[in-house]
Amino acid sequence: MEANDSEGIDRGASNDDWPSLSRPCDRLTRARSAKEKLYERALPSPNEIRIKVEAAERMVARAEERLAAETAAHQEKLKKYEGRAEAIGR
């Protein structure tokens, strides 16, 4: 059994229906176009994106520096503790 591509089309509809469908179709097209324009306007500009990325990179760099400093300080504390533990254990 072959599928009929024209299923769902009312062959009894007269050509007079097109003017009544034209207005809703135009409105739908304009609504979709307006939606796309609003979406594009809501997106940040390339310059805004660049500024935000640079700020995020600076934040990450500062966080990595703080982490390195904290790690070094912690390692120093561990060495001191190890030295005290060896001195007590002798």
Protein backbone atom coordinates (compact mmCIF):
# COMPACT_ATOMS: atom_id res chain seq x y z
CA MET A 1 0.00 0.00 0.00
CA GLU A 2 1.56 3.32 -1.08
CA ALA A 3 1.45 6.37 1.13
CA ASN A 4 -0.55 9.18 -0.34
CA ASP A 5 1.38 12.46 -0.01
CA SER A 6 -1.77 14.47 -0.32
CA GLU A 7 -3.48 12.94 2.72
CA GLY A 8 -5.03 15.53 4.95
CA ILE A 9 -5.65 17.98 2.11
CA ASP A 10 -9.27 18.86 1.69
CA ARG A 11 -9.80 18.61 -2.05
CA GLY A 12 -13.28 20.05 -1.64
CA ALA A 13 -11.94 23.35 -0.34
CA SER A 14 -12.49 26.15 -2.75
CA ASN A 15 -9.89 28.66 -3.81
CA ASP A 16 -11.92 31.28 -1.93
CA ASP A 17 -10.39 29.99 1.35
CA TRP A 18 -6.94 31.40 0.52
CA PRO A 19 -7.78 35.04 1.22
CA SER A 20 -9.12 34.08 4.64
CA LEU A 21 -5.95 32.06 5.36
CA SER A 22 -3.62 34.73 4.01
CA ARG A 23 -4.03 37.09 6.98
CA PRO A 24 -3.30 34.44 9.69
CA CYS A 25 -0.32 33.17 7.67
CA ASP A 26 1.05 36.71 7.38
CA ARG A 27 0.57 37.25 11.11
CA LEU A 28 2.33 33.98 11.89
CA THR A 29 5.24 34.92 9.63
CA ARG A 30 5.55 38.37 11.24
CA ALA A 31 5.33 36.86 14.73
CA ARG A 32 8.12 34.41 13.96
CA SER A 33 10.24 37.18 12.46
CA ALA A 34 9.67 39.37 15.53
CA LYS A 35 10.58 36.46 17.80
CA GLU A 36 13.86 35.92 15.94
CA LYS A 37 14.71 39.65 16.12
CA LEU A 38 13.99 39.74 19.87
CA TYR A 39 16.20 36.71 20.41
CA GLU A 40 19.04 38.28 18.43
CA ARG A 41 18.72 41.57 20.36
CA ALA A 42 18.79 39.69 23.67
CA LEU A 43 22.14 38.10 22.85
CA PRO A 44 25.19 39.95 24.16
CA SER A 45 27.35 41.70 21.61
CA PRO A 46 30.74 40.21 20.69
CA ASN A 47 32.41 43.04 22.63
CA GLU A 48 30.37 42.25 25.76
CA ILE A 49 31.27 38.58 25.44
CA ARG A 50 34.97 39.46 25.10
CA ILE A 51 34.84 41.69 28.20
CA LYS A 52 33.15 38.96 30.24
CA VAL A 53 35.60 36.30 29.06
CA GLU A 54 38.57 38.51 29.96
CA ALA A 55 37.09 39.18 33.41
CA ALA A 56 36.54 35.46 33.95
CA GLU A 57 40.11 34.70 32.88
CA ARG A 58 41.41 37.27 35.40
CA MET A 59 39.28 35.71 38.14
CA VAL A 60 40.63 32.25 37.33
CA ALA A 61 44.21 33.53 37.32
CA ARG A 62 43.73 35.14 40.75
CA ALA A 63 42.13 31.97 42.11
CA GLU A 64 45.04 29.87 40.80
CA GLU A 65 47.52 32.25 42.45
CA ARG A 66 45.65 32.03 45.78
CA LEU A 67 45.54 28.24 45.49
CA ALA A 68 49.27 28.07 44.80
CA ALA A 69 49.98 30.33 47.80
CA GLU A 70 47.71 28.29 50.08
CA THR A 71 49.27 25.05 48.86
CA ALA A 72 52.78 26.36 49.52
CA ALA A 73 51.80 27.56 53.00
CA HIS A 74 50.19 24.21 53.77
CA GLN A 75 53.27 22.33 52.56
CA GLU A 76 55.42 24.51 54.83
CA LYS A 77 53.16 23.71 57.81
CA LEU A 78 53.40 19.99 57.02
CA LYS A 79 57.22 20.20 56.93
CA LYS A 80 57.28 21.97 60.31
CA TYR A 81 54.93 19.38 61.77
CA GLU A 82 57.05 16.57 60.35
CA GLY A 83 60.17 18.15 61.90
CA ARG A 84 58.50 18.44 65.31
CA ALA A 85 57.22 14.86 65.11
CA GLU A 86 60.72 13.57 64.33
CA ALA A 87 62.24 15.64 67.16
CA ILE A 88 59.72 14.20 69.65
CA GLY A 89 60.18 10.66 68.34
CA ARG A 90 63.97 10.61 68.85
